[in-house]
């Protein structure tokens, strides 16, 4: 009996650790956000042009790839981490970055989502960058 309990406890601990490490077990995910998305800053806007692709996975991981051009061929950088989202609030914890980014989001149909960052850094290069829209990309 003690042996069976120990195996159960070990297995449960391993499963909990795996779930927590992926960010999935105890973290809520708005399943409507799962998938591939694209966004861009328009030419002539208050900010320098920027395009990106986002992938929000059901396991709680994300990847965002930034580009210099609208065709998304001139890579700037990629960011990866874990995400959570529920009730119109999304949090991104990017690898290597100390503080998470928190956004409020609203859907405009099933394939368009608008974000607004909740913390505005007065030293940022573009203050208009705190709001943006992403559109779902068909897979």
C-alpha atoms as a PDB file:
ATOM      1  CA  UNK A   1       0.000   0.000   0.000  1.00  0.00           C
ATOM      2  CA  UNK A   2       2.799   2.416   0.865  1.00  0.00           C
ATOM      3  CA  UNK A   3       4.562   1.494  -2.366  1.00  0.00           C
ATOM      4  CA  UNK A   4       1.453   2.248  -4.487  1.00  0.00           C
ATOM      5  CA  UNK A   5       0.912   5.572  -2.732  1.00  0.00           C
ATOM      6  CA  UNK A   6       4.539   6.571  -3.361  1.00  0.00           C
ATOM      7  CA  UNK A   7       4.251   5.820  -7.064  1.00  0.00           C
ATOM      8  CA  UNK A   8       0.989   7.788  -7.239  1.00  0.00           C
ATOM      9  CA  UNK A   9       2.527  10.732  -5.381  1.00  0.00           C
ATOM     10  CA  UNK A  10       5.582  10.672  -7.651  1.00  0.00           C
ATOM     11  CA  UNK A  11       3.453  10.510 -10.797  1.00  0.00           C
ATOM     12  CA  UNK A  12       1.163  13.324  -9.589  1.00  0.00           C
ATOM     13  CA  UNK A  13       4.165  15.502  -8.743  1.00  0.00           C
ATOM     14  CA  UNK A  14       5.685  14.880 -12.176  1.00  0.00           C
ATOM     15  CA  UNK A  15       2.424  15.754 -13.946  1.00  0.00           C
ATOM     16  CA  UNK A  16       1.953  18.916 -11.893  1.00  0.00           C
ATOM     17  CA  UNK A  17       5.526  19.996 -12.547  1.00  0.00           C
ATOM     18  CA  UNK A  18       5.145  19.435 -16.280  1.00  0.00           C
ATOM     19  CA  UNK A  19       1.882  21.366 -16.369  1.00  0.00           C
ATOM     20  CA  UNK A  20       3.274  24.289 -14.407  1.00  0.00           C
ATOM     21  CA  UNK A  21       6.445  24.424 -16.484  1.00  0.00           C
ATOM     22  CA  UNK A  22       4.436  24.737 -19.680  1.00  0.00           C
ATOM     23  CA  UNK A  23       2.301  27.447 -18.122  1.00  0.00           C
ATOM     24  CA  UNK A  24      -0.836  25.478 -18.933  1.00  0.00           C
ATOM     25  CA  UNK A  25      -2.100  23.573 -15.884  1.00  0.00           C
ATOM     26  CA  UNK A  26      -3.144  26.413 -13.626  1.00  0.00           C
ATOM     27  CA  UNK A  27      -3.204  29.221 -16.169  1.00  0.00           C
ATOM     28  CA  UNK A  28      -6.388  30.189 -18.048  1.00  0.00           C
ATOM     29  CA  UNK A  29      -6.334  30.424 -21.829  1.00  0.00           C
ATOM     30  CA  UNK A  30      -9.026  32.074 -23.896  1.00  0.00           C
ATOM     31  CA  UNK A  31      -9.218  29.393 -26.592  1.00  0.00           C
ATOM     32  CA  UNK A  32     -10.423  31.993 -29.112  1.00  0.00           C
ATOM     33  CA  UNK A  33      -6.869  33.396 -29.151  1.00  0.00           C
ATOM     34  CA  UNK A  34      -5.209  30.064 -29.937  1.00  0.00           C
ATOM     35  CA  UNK A  35      -3.850  30.088 -33.477  1.00  0.00           C
ATOM     36  CA  UNK A  36      -1.790  32.185 -35.856  1.00  0.00           C
ATOM     37  CA  UNK A  37      -2.248  35.942 -36.156  1.00  0.00           C
ATOM     38  CA  UNK A  38      -0.707  38.857 -38.064  1.00  0.00           C
ATOM     39  CA  UNK A  39      -0.456  42.529 -37.271  1.00  0.00           C
ATOM     40  CA  UNK A  40       1.280  45.627 -38.553  1.00  0.00           C
ATOM     41  CA  UNK A  41       1.858  49.286 -37.950  1.00  0.00           C
ATOM     42  CA  UNK A  42       0.660  51.180 -40.991  1.00  0.00           C
ATOM     43  CA  UNK A  43       3.012  53.300 -43.071  1.00  0.00           C
ATOM     44  CA  UNK A  44       2.585  56.947 -42.183  1.00  0.00           C
ATOM     45  CA  UNK A  45       1.316  56.246 -38.687  1.00  0.00           C
ATOM     46  CA  UNK A  46       2.788  57.912 -35.616  1.00  0.00           C
ATOM     47  CA  UNK A  47       5.172  54.948 -35.231  1.00  0.00           C
ATOM     48  CA  UNK A  48       7.850  53.432 -37.448  1.00  0.00           C
ATOM     49  CA  UNK A  49       6.483  50.649 -39.691  1.00  0.00           C
ATOM     50  CA  UNK A  50       6.532  47.158 -38.165  1.00  0.00           C
ATOM     51  CA  UNK A  51       4.883  43.869 -39.138  1.00  0.00           C
ATOM     52  CA  UNK A  52       4.650  40.667 -37.116  1.00  0.00           C
ATOM     53  CA  UNK A  53       3.336  37.126 -36.962  1.00  0.00           C
ATOM     54  CA  UNK A  54       2.041  35.702 -33.677  1.00  0.00           C
ATOM     55  CA  UNK A  55       1.443  32.080 -32.764  1.00  0.00           C
ATOM     56  CA  UNK A  56      -0.501  31.409 -29.562  1.00  0.00           C
ATOM     57  CA  UNK A  57      -0.514  27.691 -28.801  1.00  0.00           C
ATOM     58  CA  UNK A  58      -2.936  25.662 -26.695  1.00  0.00           C
ATOM     59  CA  UNK A  59      -0.044  24.483 -24.477  1.00  0.00           C
ATOM     60  CA  UNK A  60       0.409  28.066 -23.208  1.00  0.00           C
ATOM     61  CA  UNK A  61       3.487  28.904 -25.288  1.00  0.00           C
ATOM     62  CA  UNK A  62       3.753  31.742 -27.796  1.00  0.00           C
ATOM     63  CA  UNK A  63       6.086  33.045 -30.466  1.00  0.00           C
ATOM     64  CA  UNK A  64       6.031  36.485 -32.071  1.00  0.00           C
ATOM     65  CA  UNK A  65       8.273  37.230 -35.050  1.00  0.00           C
ATOM     66  CA  UNK A  66       8.845  40.883 -36.024  1.00  0.00           C
ATOM     67  CA  UNK A  67       9.656  42.113 -39.552  1.00  0.00           C
ATOM     68  CA  UNK A  68      10.742  45.376 -41.192  1.00  0.00           C
ATOM     69  CA  UNK A  69       8.503  44.920 -44.253  1.00  0.00           C
ATOM     70  CA  UNK A  70       4.864  44.175 -44.985  1.00  0.00           C
ATOM     71  CA  UNK A  71       5.764  40.996 -46.922  1.00  0.00           C
ATOM     72  CA  UNK A  72       7.348  39.725 -43.680  1.00  0.00           C
ATOM     73  CA  UNK A  73      10.665  38.768 -45.270  1.00  0.00           C
ATOM     74  CA  UNK A  74      13.084  41.111 -43.422  1.00  0.00           C
ATOM     75  CA  UNK A  75      13.410  39.626 -39.936  1.00  0.00           C
ATOM     76  CA  UNK A  76      14.043  41.894 -36.960  1.00  0.00           C
ATOM     77  CA  UNK A  77      13.714  39.451 -34.053  1.00  0.00           C
ATOM     78  CA  UNK A  78      11.630  36.669 -32.513  1.00  0.00           C
ATOM     79  CA  UNK A  79      10.247  36.472 -28.987  1.00  0.00           C
ATOM     80  CA  UNK A  80       9.044  33.351 -27.202  1.00  0.00           C
ATOM     81  CA  UNK A  81       7.447  32.667 -23.853  1.00  0.00           C
ATOM     82  CA  UNK A  82       4.237  31.681 -22.133  1.00  0.00           C
ATOM     83  CA  UNK A  83       0.845  33.365 -22.224  1.00  0.00           C
ATOM     84  CA  UNK A  84      -2.410  33.424 -20.337  1.00  0.00           C
ATOM     85  CA  UNK A  85      -5.687  35.088 -21.232  1.00  0.00           C
ATOM     86  CA  UNK A  86      -9.175  35.263 -19.768  1.00  0.00           C
ATOM     87  CA  UNK A  87     -11.968  37.782 -19.406  1.00  0.00           C
ATOM     88  CA  UNK A  88     -10.431  40.300 -21.812  1.00  0.00           C
ATOM     89  CA  UNK A  89      -7.006  40.349 -20.113  1.00  0.00           C
ATOM     90  CA  UNK A  90      -3.895  38.746 -21.646  1.00  0.00           C
ATOM     91  CA  UNK A  91      -0.444  38.379 -20.122  1.00  0.00           C
ATOM     92  CA  UNK A  92       2.748  37.561 -22.038  1.00  0.00           C
ATOM     93  CA  UNK A  93       5.840  36.392 -20.182  1.00  0.00           C
ATOM     94  CA  UNK A  94       8.658  36.650 -22.697  1.00  0.00           C
ATOM     95  CA  UNK A  95      11.805  34.586 -22.152  1.00  0.00           C
ATOM     96  CA  UNK A  96      14.622  36.772 -20.850  1.00  0.00           C
ATOM     97  CA  UNK A  97      12.336  39.677 -19.903  1.00  0.00           C
ATOM     98  CA  UNK A  98      11.750  40.355 -16.218  1.00  0.00           C
ATOM     99  CA  UNK A  99       8.251  41.807 -16.258  1.00  0.00           C
ATOM    100  CA  UNK A 100       5.275  40.374 -18.154  1.00  0.00           C
ATOM    101  CA  UNK A 101       3.325  42.507 -20.603  1.00  0.00           C
ATOM    102  CA  UNK A 102      -0.364  42.836 -19.789  1.00  0.00           C
ATOM    103  CA  UNK A 103      -2.972  43.702 -22.408  1.00  0.00           C
ATOM    104  CA  UNK A 104      -6.695  44.262 -22.441  1.00  0.00           C
ATOM    105  CA  UNK A 105      -8.273  42.711 -25.523  1.00  0.00           C
ATOM    106  CA  UNK A 106     -11.599  42.797 -27.313  1.00  0.00           C
ATOM    107  CA  UNK A 107     -12.772  40.743 -30.262  1.00  0.00           C
ATOM    108  CA  UNK A 108     -14.234  42.363 -33.357  1.00  0.00           C
ATOM    109  CA  UNK A 109     -15.624  39.198 -34.916  1.00  0.00           C
ATOM    110  CA  UNK A 110     -13.999  35.768 -34.546  1.00  0.00           C
ATOM    111  CA  UNK A 111     -10.853  36.623 -36.531  1.00  0.00           C
ATOM    112  CA  UNK A 112      -9.950  40.147 -35.390  1.00  0.00           C
ATOM    113  CA  UNK A 113      -8.743  41.115 -31.925  1.00  0.00           C
ATOM    114  CA  UNK A 114      -7.772  44.563 -30.647  1.00  0.00           C
ATOM    115  CA  UNK A 115      -5.191  44.918 -27.856  1.00  0.00           C
ATOM    116  CA  UNK A 116      -4.285  47.763 -25.542  1.00  0.00           C
ATOM    117  CA  UNK A 117      -1.225  47.577 -23.301  1.00  0.00           C
ATOM    118  CA  UNK A 118      -2.043  48.369 -19.657  1.00  0.00           C
ATOM    119  CA  UNK A 119       1.371  49.831 -18.785  1.00  0.00           C
ATOM    120  CA  UNK A 120       2.657  52.683 -20.911  1.00  0.00           C
ATOM    121  CA  UNK A 121       6.385  53.372 -20.692  1.00  0.00           C
ATOM    122  CA  UNK A 122       6.945  57.138 -21.113  1.00  0.00           C
ATOM    123  CA  UNK A 123      10.425  56.456 -22.526  1.00  0.00           C
ATOM    124  CA  UNK A 124       9.134  54.189 -25.334  1.00  0.00           C
ATOM    125  CA  UNK A 125      10.002  55.226 -28.872  1.00  0.00           C
ATOM    126  CA  UNK A 126       6.348  55.441 -29.891  1.00  0.00           C
ATOM    127  CA  UNK A 127       3.482  56.154 -27.536  1.00  0.00           C
ATOM    128  CA  UNK A 128       0.890  55.200 -30.170  1.00  0.00           C
ATOM    129  CA  UNK A 129       2.293  51.661 -30.087  1.00  0.00           C
ATOM    130  CA  UNK A 130       0.233  50.682 -27.071  1.00  0.00           C
ATOM    131  CA  UNK A 131      -2.825  49.781 -29.160  1.00  0.00           C
ATOM    132  CA  UNK A 132      -2.892  47.418 -32.111  1.00  0.00           C
ATOM    133  CA  UNK A 133      -5.082  44.962 -33.965  1.00  0.00           C
ATOM    134  CA  UNK A 134      -4.293  41.423 -35.084  1.00  0.00           C
ATOM    135  CA  UNK A 135      -6.079  39.303 -37.665  1.00  0.00           C
ATOM    136  CA  UNK A 136      -6.243  35.513 -37.695  1.00  0.00           C
ATOM    137  CA  UNK A 137      -4.271  33.743 -40.399  1.00  0.00           C
ATOM    138  CA  UNK A 138      -5.858  30.654 -41.940  1.00  0.00           C
ATOM    139  CA  UNK A 139      -3.704  27.572 -41.480  1.00  0.00           C
END
